[in-house]
């Protein structure tokens, strides 16, 4: 599947929003510069979006670590919700049987 140019813009926005949420304006400009450098070097009609995403995250990794504390409440809430569902999920998986295929 060939990516559309809008895919790159959306990915850049996604990375920027997750990293820059609790940083200073100067740090956010630095993130923007790093991301645009990655996209300028890698954007191509045949690009692999997964690789581009990984390179984008690697480029702003230090800022990601600095902003990670703001995700702690969300992480805790998500883990609590998952813990409530785990027993139901186990029972659902255990009760499901894959029918044997006949040749």
PDB file of N, CA and C in Angstrom:
ATOM      1  N   UNK A   1       0.837  -1.178   0.000  1.00  0.00           N
ATOM      2  CA  UNK A   1       0.000   0.000   0.000  1.00  0.00           C
ATOM      3  C   UNK A   1       0.883   1.243   0.000  1.00  0.00           C
ATOM      4  N   UNK A   2       0.631   2.121  -0.905  1.00  0.00           N
ATOM      5  CA  UNK A   2       1.403   3.358  -0.997  1.00  0.00           C
ATOM      6  C   UNK A   2       0.824   4.395  -0.032  1.00  0.00           C
ATOM      7  N   UNK A   3       1.680   5.056   0.709  1.00  0.00           N
ATOM      8  CA  UNK A   3       1.183   6.088   1.623  1.00  0.00           C
ATOM      9  C   UNK A   3       0.800   7.355   0.858  1.00  0.00           C
ATOM     10  N   UNK A   4      -0.139   8.077   1.383  1.00  0.00           N
ATOM     11  CA  UNK A   4      -0.514   9.381   0.851  1.00  0.00           C
ATOM     12  C   UNK A   4       0.327  10.437   1.565  1.00  0.00           C
ATOM     13  N   UNK A   5       0.565  11.583   0.955  1.00  0.00           N
ATOM     14  CA  UNK A   5       1.315  12.643   1.651  1.00  0.00           C
ATOM     15  C   UNK A   5       0.690  13.014   2.998  1.00  0.00           C
ATOM     16  N   UNK A   6      -0.622  12.935   3.073  1.00  0.00           N
ATOM     17  CA  UNK A   6      -1.320  13.271   4.314  1.00  0.00           C
ATOM     18  C   UNK A   6      -0.957  12.307   5.459  1.00  0.00           C
ATOM     19  N   UNK A   7      -0.561  11.086   5.109  1.00  0.00           N
ATOM     20  CA  UNK A   7      -0.160  10.109   6.131  1.00  0.00           C
ATOM     21  C   UNK A   7       1.048  10.627   6.910  1.00  0.00           C
ATOM     22  N   UNK A   8       2.009  11.185   6.190  1.00  0.00           N
ATOM     23  CA  UNK A   8       3.192  11.730   6.843  1.00  0.00           C
ATOM     24  C   UNK A   8       2.854  12.907   7.736  1.00  0.00           C
ATOM     25  N   UNK A   9       1.976  13.789   7.256  1.00  0.00           N
ATOM     26  CA  UNK A   9       1.579  14.946   8.059  1.00  0.00           C
ATOM     27  C   UNK A   9       0.848  14.514   9.328  1.00  0.00           C
ATOM     28  N   UNK A  10      -0.012  13.536   9.178  1.00  0.00           N
ATOM     29  CA  UNK A  10      -0.757  13.032  10.338  1.00  0.00           C
ATOM     30  C   UNK A  10       0.203  12.394  11.343  1.00  0.00           C
ATOM     31  N   UNK A  11       1.166  11.615  10.845  1.00  0.00           N
ATOM     32  CA  UNK A  11       2.131  10.967  11.735  1.00  0.00           C
ATOM     33  C   UNK A  11       2.972  12.011  12.459  1.00  0.00           C
ATOM     34  N   UNK A  12       3.398  13.034  11.743  1.00  0.00           N
ATOM     35  CA  UNK A  12       4.199  14.080  12.367  1.00  0.00           C
ATOM     36  C   UNK A  12       3.392  14.750  13.486  1.00  0.00           C
ATOM     37  N   UNK A  13       2.142  15.038  13.206  1.00  0.00           N
ATOM     38  CA  UNK A  13       1.267  15.660  14.206  1.00  0.00           C
ATOM     39  C   UNK A  13       1.099  14.734  15.410  1.00  0.00           C
ATOM     40  N   UNK A  14       0.894  13.445  15.163  1.00  0.00           N
ATOM     41  CA  UNK A  14       0.694  12.474  16.242  1.00  0.00           C
ATOM     42  C   UNK A  14       1.920  12.439  17.159  1.00  0.00           C
ATOM     43  N   UNK A  15       3.114  12.342  16.582  1.00  0.00           N
ATOM     44  CA  UNK A  15       4.346  12.297  17.376  1.00  0.00           C
ATOM     45  C   UNK A  15       4.518  13.608  18.133  1.00  0.00           C
ATOM     46  N   UNK A  16       4.336  14.723  17.447  1.00  0.00           N
ATOM     47  CA  UNK A  16       4.508  16.037  18.067  1.00  0.00           C
ATOM     48  C   UNK A  16       3.576  16.206  19.261  1.00  0.00           C
ATOM     49  N   UNK A  17       2.306  15.841  19.112  1.00  0.00           N
ATOM     50  CA  UNK A  17       1.338  16.019  20.194  1.00  0.00           C
ATOM     51  C   UNK A  17       1.656  15.161  21.408  1.00  0.00           C
ATOM     52  N   UNK A  18       2.186  13.987  21.194  1.00  0.00           N
ATOM     53  CA  UNK A  18       2.489  13.110  22.320  1.00  0.00           C
ATOM     54  C   UNK A  18       3.762  13.499  23.041  1.00  0.00           C
ATOM     55  N   UNK A  19       4.681  14.104  22.342  1.00  0.00           N
ATOM     56  CA  UNK A  19       5.955  14.472  22.946  1.00  0.00           C
ATOM     57  C   UNK A  19       5.922  15.881  23.509  1.00  0.00           C
ATOM     58  N   UNK A  20       5.282  16.798  22.806  1.00  0.00           N
ATOM     59  CA  UNK A  20       5.371  18.201  23.165  1.00  0.00           C
ATOM     60  C   UNK A  20       4.363  18.709  24.167  1.00  0.00           C
ATOM     61  N   UNK A  21       3.544  17.827  24.724  1.00  0.00           N
ATOM     62  CA  UNK A  21       2.446  18.276  25.575  1.00  0.00           C
ATOM     63  C   UNK A  21       2.867  18.992  26.855  1.00  0.00           C
ATOM     64  N   UNK A  22       4.016  18.715  27.405  1.00  0.00           N
ATOM     65  CA  UNK A  22       4.390  19.335  28.675  1.00  0.00           C
ATOM     66  C   UNK A  22       5.750  20.023  28.609  1.00  0.00           C
ATOM     67  N   UNK A  23       6.168  20.398  27.404  1.00  0.00           N
ATOM     68  CA  UNK A  23       7.491  20.987  27.232  1.00  0.00           C
ATOM     69  C   UNK A  23       7.390  22.492  26.984  1.00  0.00           C
ATOM     70  N   UNK A  24       8.511  23.159  27.076  1.00  0.00           N
ATOM     71  CA  UNK A  24       8.549  24.597  26.837  1.00  0.00           C
ATOM     72  C   UNK A  24       8.390  24.883  25.349  1.00  0.00           C
ATOM     73  N   UNK A  25       8.135  26.126  25.032  1.00  0.00           N
ATOM     74  CA  UNK A  25       7.992  26.515  23.632  1.00  0.00           C
ATOM     75  C   UNK A  25       9.290  26.260  22.859  1.00  0.00           C
ATOM     76  N   UNK A  26      10.427  26.581  23.462  1.00  0.00           N
ATOM     77  CA  UNK A  26      11.714  26.323  22.800  1.00  0.00           C
ATOM     78  C   UNK A  26      11.903  24.832  22.521  1.00  0.00           C
ATOM     79  N   UNK A  27      11.536  23.993  23.473  1.00  0.00           N
ATOM     80  CA  UNK A  27      11.659  22.549  23.277  1.00  0.00           C
ATOM     81  C   UNK A  27      10.715  22.070  22.171  1.00  0.00           C
ATOM     82  N   UNK A  28       9.505  22.630  22.121  1.00  0.00           N
ATOM     83  CA  UNK A  28       8.553  22.246  21.075  1.00  0.00           C
ATOM     84  C   UNK A  28       9.070  22.637  19.693  1.00  0.00           C
ATOM     85  N   UNK A  29       9.733  23.805  19.586  1.00  0.00           N
ATOM     86  CA  UNK A  29      10.333  24.188  18.304  1.00  0.00           C
ATOM     87  C   UNK A  29      11.462  23.228  17.937  1.00  0.00           C
ATOM     88  N   UNK A  30      12.214  22.805  18.921  1.00  0.00           N
ATOM     89  CA  UNK A  30      13.285  21.841  18.667  1.00  0.00           C
ATOM     90  C   UNK A  30      12.711  20.523  18.150  1.00  0.00           C
ATOM     91  N   UNK A  31      11.625  20.074  18.752  1.00  0.00           N
ATOM     92  CA  UNK A  31      10.943  18.857  18.291  1.00  0.00           C
ATOM     93  C   UNK A  31      10.481  19.035  16.848  1.00  0.00           C
ATOM     94  N   UNK A  32       9.882  20.170  16.568  1.00  0.00           N
ATOM     95  CA  UNK A  32       9.399  20.442  15.221  1.00  0.00           C
ATOM     96  C   UNK A  32      10.537  20.387  14.207  1.00  0.00           C
ATOM     97  N   UNK A  33      11.673  20.965  14.548  1.00  0.00           N
ATOM     98  CA  UNK A  33      12.838  20.941  13.655  1.00  0.00           C
ATOM     99  C   UNK A  33      13.342  19.517  13.435  1.00  0.00           C
ATOM    100  N   UNK A  34      13.403  18.735  14.507  1.00  0.00           N
ATOM    101  CA  UNK A  34      13.881  17.355  14.387  1.00  0.00           C
ATOM    102  C   UNK A  34      12.932  16.522  13.530  1.00  0.00           C
ATOM    103  N   UNK A  35      11.640  16.682  13.758  1.00  0.00           N
ATOM    104  CA  UNK A  35      10.668  15.920  12.974  1.00  0.00           C
ATOM    105  C   UNK A  35      10.692  16.315  11.506  1.00  0.00           C
ATOM    106  N   UNK A  36      10.747  17.604  11.230  1.00  0.00           N
ATOM    107  CA  UNK A  36      10.765  18.014   9.827  1.00  0.00           C
ATOM    108  C   UNK A  36      12.042  17.552   9.136  1.00  0.00           C
ATOM    109  N   UNK A  37      13.158  17.478   9.862  1.00  0.00           N
ATOM    110  CA  UNK A  37      14.402  16.973   9.271  1.00  0.00           C
ATOM    111  C   UNK A  37      14.250  15.504   8.884  1.00  0.00           C
ATOM    112  N   UNK A  38      13.630  14.720   9.748  1.00  0.00           N
ATOM    113  CA  UNK A  38      13.404  13.302   9.446  1.00  0.00           C
ATOM    114  C   UNK A  38      12.514  13.179   8.212  1.00  0.00           C
ATOM    115  N   UNK A  39      11.433  13.938   8.183  1.00  0.00           N
ATOM    116  CA  UNK A  39      10.507  13.845   7.059  1.00  0.00           C
ATOM    117  C   UNK A  39      11.136  14.343   5.767  1.00  0.00           C
ATOM    118  N   UNK A  40      11.939  15.403   5.854  1.00  0.00           N
ATOM    119  CA  UNK A  40      12.615  15.916   4.659  1.00  0.00           C
ATOM    120  C   UNK A  40      13.553  14.865   4.075  1.00  0.00           C
ATOM    121  N   UNK A  41      14.209  14.119   4.936  1.00  0.00           N
ATOM    122  CA  UNK A  41      15.161  13.102   4.475  1.00  0.00           C
ATOM    123  C   UNK A  41      14.472  11.819   4.019  1.00  0.00           C
ATOM    124  N   UNK A  42      13.341  11.484   4.603  1.00  0.00           N
ATOM    125  CA  UNK A  42      12.741  10.156   4.388  1.00  0.00           C
ATOM    126  C   UNK A  42      11.475  10.140   3.544  1.00  0.00           C
ATOM    127  N   UNK A  43      10.774  11.271   3.436  1.00  0.00           N
ATOM    128  CA  UNK A  43       9.487  11.271   2.735  1.00  0.00           C
ATOM    129  C   UNK A  43       9.673  10.899   1.270  1.00  0.00           C
ATOM    130  N   UNK A  44       8.889   9.918   0.849  1.00  0.00           N
ATOM    131  CA  UNK A  44       9.009   9.398  -0.502  1.00  0.00           C
ATOM    132  C   UNK A  44       7.727   8.622  -0.799  1.00  0.00           C
ATOM    133  N   UNK A  45       7.259   8.616  -2.038  1.00  0.00           N
ATOM    134  CA  UNK A  45       6.037   7.862  -2.347  1.00  0.00           C
ATOM    135  C   UNK A  45       6.135   6.368  -2.015  1.00  0.00           C
ATOM    136  N   UNK A  46       7.336   5.831  -1.915  1.00  0.00           N
ATOM    137  CA  UNK A  46       7.497   4.405  -1.619  1.00  0.00           C
ATOM    138  C   UNK A  46       7.930   4.163  -0.174  1.00  0.00           C
ATOM    139  N   UNK A  47       7.835   5.177   0.678  1.00  0.00           N
ATOM    140  CA  UNK A  47       8.339   5.034   2.047  1.00  0.00           C
ATOM    141  C   UNK A  47       7.529   4.025   2.842  1.00  0.00           C
ATOM    142  N   UNK A  48       8.197   3.406   3.788  1.00  0.00           N
ATOM    143  CA  UNK A  48       7.583   2.489   4.735  1.00  0.00           C
ATOM    144  C   UNK A  48       7.173   3.332   5.939  1.00  0.00           C
ATOM    145  N   UNK A  49       5.878   3.449   6.168  1.00  0.00           N
ATOM    146  CA  UNK A  49       5.387   4.328   7.235  1.00  0.00           C
ATOM    147  C   UNK A  49       5.844   3.859   8.623  1.00  0.00           C
ATOM    148  N   UNK A  50       5.992   2.571   8.817  1.00  0.00           N
ATOM    149  CA  UNK A  50       6.462   2.058  10.107  1.00  0.00           C
ATOM    150  C   UNK A  50       7.885   2.509  10.397  1.00  0.00           C
ATOM    151  N   UNK A  51       8.735   2.415   9.388  1.00  0.00           N
ATOM    152  CA  UNK A  51      10.123   2.852   9.556  1.00  0.00           C
ATOM    153  C   UNK A  51      10.170   4.359   9.785  1.00  0.00           C
ATOM    154  N   UNK A  52       9.357   5.101   9.043  1.00  0.00           N
ATOM    155  CA  UNK A  52       9.312   6.554   9.220  1.00  0.00           C
ATOM    156  C   UNK A  52       8.857   6.919  10.632  1.00  0.00           C
ATOM    157  N   UNK A  53       7.884   6.206  11.140  1.00  0.00           N
ATOM    158  CA  UNK A  53       7.405   6.449  12.508  1.00  0.00           C
ATOM    159  C   UNK A  53       8.515   6.170  13.513  1.00  0.00           C
ATOM    160  N   UNK A  54       9.203   5.053  13.351  1.00  0.00           N
ATOM    161  CA  UNK A  54      10.301   4.711  14.270  1.00  0.00           C
ATOM    162  C   UNK A  54      11.393   5.767  14.238  1.00  0.00           C
ATOM    163  N   UNK A  55      11.762   6.218  13.051  1.00  0.00           N
ATOM    164  CA  UNK A  55      12.801   7.247  12.942  1.00  0.00           C
ATOM    165  C   UNK A  55      12.350   8.562  13.563  1.00  0.00           C
ATOM    166  N   UNK A  56      11.073   8.874  13.432  1.00  0.00           N
ATOM    167  CA  UNK A  56      10.533  10.099  14.029  1.00  0.00           C
ATOM    168  C   UNK A  56      10.599  10.046  15.544  1.00  0.00           C
ATOM    169  N   UNK A  57      10.202   8.919  16.113  1.00  0.00           N
ATOM    170  CA  UNK A  57      10.229   8.764  17.567  1.00  0.00           C
ATOM    171  C   UNK A  57      11.674   8.775  18.067  1.00  0.00           C
ATOM    172  N   UNK A  58      12.578   8.104  17.342  1.00  0.00           N
ATOM    173  CA  UNK A  58      13.997   8.113  17.731  1.00  0.00           C
ATOM    174  C   UNK A  58      14.563   9.528  17.735  1.00  0.00           C
ATOM    175  N   UNK A  59      14.144  10.355  16.781  1.00  0.00           N
ATOM    176  CA  UNK A  59      14.660  11.723  16.671  1.00  0.00           C
ATOM    177  C   UNK A  59      14.277  12.587  17.859  1.00  0.00           C
ATOM    178  N   UNK A  60      13.156  12.269  18.493  1.00  0.00           N
ATOM    179  CA  UNK A  60      12.688  13.094  19.623  1.00  0.00           C
ATOM    180  C   UNK A  60      12.696  12.308  20.936  1.00  0.00           C
ATOM    181  N   UNK A  61      13.434  11.226  20.969  1.00  0.00           N
ATOM    182  CA  UNK A  61      13.449  10.326  22.119  1.00  0.00           C
ATOM    183  C   UNK A  61      13.745  11.041  23.434  1.00  0.00           C
ATOM    184  N   UNK A  62      14.732  11.925  23.448  1.00  0.00           N
ATOM    185  CA  UNK A  62      15.075  12.616  24.692  1.00  0.00           C
ATOM    186  C   UNK A  62      13.911  13.456  25.208  1.00  0.00           C
ATOM    187  N   UNK A  63      13.178  14.077  24.293  1.00  0.00           N
ATOM    188  CA  UNK A  63      12.024  14.876  24.697  1.00  0.00           C
ATOM    189  C   UNK A  63      10.881  13.981  25.157  1.00  0.00           C
ATOM    190  N   UNK A  64      10.778  12.817  24.565  1.00  0.00           N
ATOM    191  CA  UNK A  64       9.745  11.863  24.956  1.00  0.00           C
ATOM    192  C   UNK A  64       9.939  11.455  26.407  1.00  0.00           C
ATOM    193  N   UNK A  65      11.175  11.198  26.794  1.00  0.00           N
ATOM    194  CA  UNK A  65      11.460  10.843  28.186  1.00  0.00           C
ATOM    195  C   UNK A  65      11.096  11.985  29.128  1.00  0.00           C
ATOM    196  N   UNK A  66      11.368  13.213  28.709  1.00  0.00           N
ATOM    197  CA  UNK A  66      11.087  14.376  29.553  1.00  0.00           C
ATOM    198  C   UNK A  66       9.594  14.600  29.739  1.00  0.00           C
ATOM    199  N   UNK A  67       8.780  14.209  28.762  1.00  0.00           N
ATOM    200  CA  UNK A  67       7.342  14.456  28.855  1.00  0.00           C
ATOM    201  C   UNK A  67       6.554  13.239  29.340  1.00  0.00           C
ATOM    202  N   UNK A  68       7.219  12.135  29.588  1.00  0.00           N
ATOM    203  CA  UNK A  68       6.513  10.887  29.901  1.00  0.00           C
ATOM    204  C   UNK A  68       5.742  10.934  31.216  1.00  0.00           C
ATOM    205  N   UNK A  69       6.128  11.771  32.149  1.00  0.00           N
ATOM    206  CA  UNK A  69       5.427  11.849  33.427  1.00  0.00           C
ATOM    207  C   UNK A  69       3.986  12.276  33.297  1.00  0.00           C
ATOM    208  N   UNK A  70       3.656  13.020  32.264  1.00  0.00           N
ATOM    209  CA  UNK A  70       2.281  13.486  32.098  1.00  0.00           C
ATOM    210  C   UNK A  70       1.335  12.358  31.700  1.00  0.00           C
ATOM    211  N   UNK A  71       1.879  11.225  31.284  1.00  0.00           N
ATOM    212  CA  UNK A  71       1.048  10.088  30.895  1.00  0.00           C
ATOM    213  C   UNK A  71       0.768   9.119  32.048  1.00  0.00           C
ATOM    214  N   UNK A  72       1.364   9.346  33.191  1.00  0.00           N
ATOM    215  CA  UNK A  72       1.202   8.428  34.324  1.00  0.00           C
ATOM    216  C   UNK A  72      -0.262   8.231  34.726  1.00  0.00           C
ATOM    217  N   UNK A  73      -1.069   9.296  34.877  1.00  0.00           N
ATOM    218  CA  UNK A  73      -2.485   9.068  35.234  1.00  0.00           C
ATOM    219  C   UNK A  73      -3.237   8.258  34.182  1.00  0.00           C
ATOM    220  N   UNK A  74      -2.972   8.516  32.904  1.00  0.00           N
ATOM    221  CA  UNK A  74      -3.621   7.762  31.834  1.00  0.00           C
ATOM    222  C   UNK A  74      -3.199   6.299  31.873  1.00  0.00           C
ATOM    223  N   UNK A  75      -1.922   6.051  32.096  1.00  0.00           N
ATOM    224  CA  UNK A  75      -1.409   4.681  32.171  1.00  0.00           C
ATOM    225  C   UNK A  75      -2.062   3.934  33.328  1.00  0.00           C
ATOM    226  N   UNK A  76      -2.140   4.574  34.476  1.00  0.00           N
ATOM    227  CA  UNK A  76      -2.746   3.938  35.652  1.00  0.00           C
ATOM    228  C   UNK A  76      -4.211   3.592  35.381  1.00  0.00           C
ATOM    229  N   UNK A  77      -4.941   4.525  34.793  1.00  0.00           N
ATOM    230  CA  UNK A  77      -6.361   4.309  34.492  1.00  0.00           C
ATOM    231  C   UNK A  77      -6.540   3.180  33.478  1.00  0.00           C
ATOM    232  N   UNK A  78      -5.683   3.144  32.468  1.00  0.00           N
ATOM    233  CA  UNK A  78      -5.752   2.083  31.459  1.00  0.00           C
ATOM    234  C   UNK A  78      -5.444   0.720  32.065  1.00  0.00           C
ATOM    235  N   UNK A  79      -4.448   0.658  32.932  1.00  0.00           N
ATOM    236  CA  UNK A  79      -4.100  -0.604  33.588  1.00  0.00           C
ATOM    237  C   UNK A  79      -5.220  -1.088  34.499  1.00  0.00           C
ATOM    238  N   UNK A  80      -5.887  -0.175  35.186  1.00  0.00           N
ATOM    239  CA  UNK A  80      -7.015  -0.553  36.046  1.00  0.00           C
ATOM    240  C   UNK A  80      -8.157  -1.129  35.212  1.00  0.00           C
ATOM    241  N   UNK A  81      -8.443  -0.484  34.071  1.00  0.00           N
ATOM    242  CA  UNK A  81      -9.511  -0.973  33.193  1.00  0.00           C
ATOM    243  C   UNK A  81      -9.158  -2.351  32.640  1.00  0.00           C
ATOM    244  N   UNK A  82      -7.904  -2.549  32.253  1.00  0.00           N
ATOM    245  CA  UNK A  82      -7.472  -3.841  31.723  1.00  0.00           C
ATOM    246  C   UNK A  82      -7.564  -4.923  32.794  1.00  0.00           C
ATOM    247  N   UNK A  83      -7.199  -4.585  34.024  1.00  0.00           N
ATOM    248  CA  UNK A  83      -7.247  -5.569  35.113  1.00  0.00           C
ATOM    249  C   UNK A  83      -8.675  -6.049  35.357  1.00  0.00           C
ATOM    250  N   UNK A  84      -9.636  -5.167  35.182  1.00  0.00           N
ATOM    251  CA  UNK A  84     -11.044  -5.546  35.371  1.00  0.00           C
ATOM    252  C   UNK A  84     -11.532  -6.487  34.276  1.00  0.00           C
ATOM    253  N   UNK A  85     -10.918  -6.422  33.123  1.00  0.00           N
ATOM    254  CA  UNK A  85     -11.357  -7.238  31.993  1.00  0.00           C
ATOM    255  C   UNK A  85     -10.614  -8.557  31.848  1.00  0.00           C
ATOM    256  N   UNK A  86      -9.517  -8.717  32.536  1.00  0.00           N
ATOM    257  CA  UNK A  86      -8.648  -9.869  32.290  1.00  0.00           C
ATOM    258  C   UNK A  86      -9.340 -11.210  32.555  1.00  0.00           C
ATOM    259  N   UNK A  87     -10.105 -11.299  33.606  1.00  0.00           N
ATOM    260  CA  UNK A  87     -10.786 -12.577  33.898  1.00  0.00           C
ATOM    261  C   UNK A  87     -11.829 -12.895  32.835  1.00  0.00           C
ATOM    262  N   UNK A  88     -12.586 -11.884  32.412  1.00  0.00           N
ATOM    263  CA  UNK A  88     -13.566 -12.102  31.340  1.00  0.00           C
ATOM    264  C   UNK A  88     -12.856 -12.522  30.055  1.00  0.00           C
ATOM    265  N   UNK A  89     -11.739 -11.914  29.765  1.00  0.00           N
ATOM    266  CA  UNK A  89     -10.990 -12.246  28.556  1.00  0.00           C
ATOM    267  C   UNK A  89     -10.478 -13.684  28.616  1.00  0.00           C
ATOM    268  N   UNK A  90      -9.965 -14.080  29.774  1.00  0.00           N
ATOM    269  CA  UNK A  90      -9.485 -15.459  29.935  1.00  0.00           C
ATOM    270  C   UNK A  90     -10.610 -16.456  29.685  1.00  0.00           C
ATOM    271  N   UNK A  91     -11.761 -16.216  30.304  1.00  0.00           N
ATOM    272  CA  UNK A  91     -12.899 -17.124  30.148  1.00  0.00           C
ATOM    273  C   UNK A  91     -13.355 -17.169  28.692  1.00  0.00           C
ATOM    274  N   UNK A  92     -13.375 -16.036  28.046  1.00  0.00           N
ATOM    275  CA  UNK A  92     -13.782 -15.984  26.649  1.00  0.00           C
ATOM    276  C   UNK A  92     -12.830 -16.796  25.784  1.00  0.00           C
ATOM    277  N   UNK A  93     -11.555 -16.632  26.003  1.00  0.00           N
ATOM    278  CA  UNK A  93     -10.546 -17.360  25.217  1.00  0.00           C
ATOM    279  C   UNK A  93     -10.632 -18.849  25.493  1.00  0.00           C
ATOM    280  N   UNK A  94     -10.752 -19.216  26.764  1.00  0.00           N
ATOM    281  CA  UNK A  94     -10.818 -20.633  27.125  1.00  0.00           C
ATOM    282  C   UNK A  94     -12.080 -21.299  26.598  1.00  0.00           C
ATOM    283  N   UNK A  95     -13.187 -20.564  26.495  1.00  0.00           N
ATOM    284  CA  UNK A  95     -14.441 -21.163  26.035  1.00  0.00           C
ATOM    285  C   UNK A  95     -14.514 -21.260  24.522  1.00  0.00           C
ATOM    286  N   UNK A  96     -13.655 -20.579  23.833  1.00  0.00           N
ATOM    287  CA  UNK A  96     -13.659 -20.616  22.368  1.00  0.00           C
ATOM    288  C   UNK A  96     -12.827 -21.778  21.871  1.00  0.00           C
ATOM    289  N   UNK A  97     -13.377 -22.498  20.972  1.00  0.00           N
ATOM    290  CA  UNK A  97     -12.649 -23.618  20.382  1.00  0.00           C
ATOM    291  C   UNK A  97     -12.605 -23.407  18.877  1.00  0.00           C
ATOM    292  N   UNK A  98     -11.477 -23.622  18.333  1.00  0.00           N
ATOM    293  CA  UNK A  98     -11.332 -23.517  16.881  1.00  0.00           C
ATOM    294  C   UNK A  98     -11.762 -24.859  16.283  1.00  0.00           C
ATOM    295  N   UNK A  99     -12.743 -24.827  15.401  1.00  0.00           N
ATOM    296  CA  UNK A  99     -13.191 -26.102  14.815  1.00  0.00           C
ATOM    297  C   UNK A  99     -12.075 -26.715  13.964  1.00  0.00           C
ATOM    298  N   UNK A 100     -12.025 -28.044  13.982  1.00  0.00           N
ATOM    299  CA  UNK A 100     -11.027 -28.755  13.175  1.00  0.00           C
ATOM    300  C   UNK A 100     -11.393 -28.605  11.710  1.00  0.00           C
ATOM    301  N   UNK A 101     -10.376 -28.437  10.909  1.00  0.00           N
ATOM    302  CA  UNK A 101     -10.590 -28.328   9.468  1.00  0.00           C
ATOM    303  C   UNK A 101     -10.539 -29.725   8.856  1.00  0.00           C
ATOM    304  N   UNK A 102     -11.471 -29.964   8.011  1.00  0.00           N
ATOM    305  CA  UNK A 102     -11.501 -31.245   7.301  1.00  0.00           C
ATOM    306  C   UNK A 102     -11.004 -31.034   5.884  1.00  0.00           C
ATOM    307  N   UNK A 103     -10.142 -31.919   5.444  1.00  0.00           N
ATOM    308  CA  UNK A 103      -9.599 -31.809   4.081  1.00  0.00           C
ATOM    309  C   UNK A 103     -10.499 -32.487   3.098  1.00  0.00           C
TER     310      UNK A 103
END
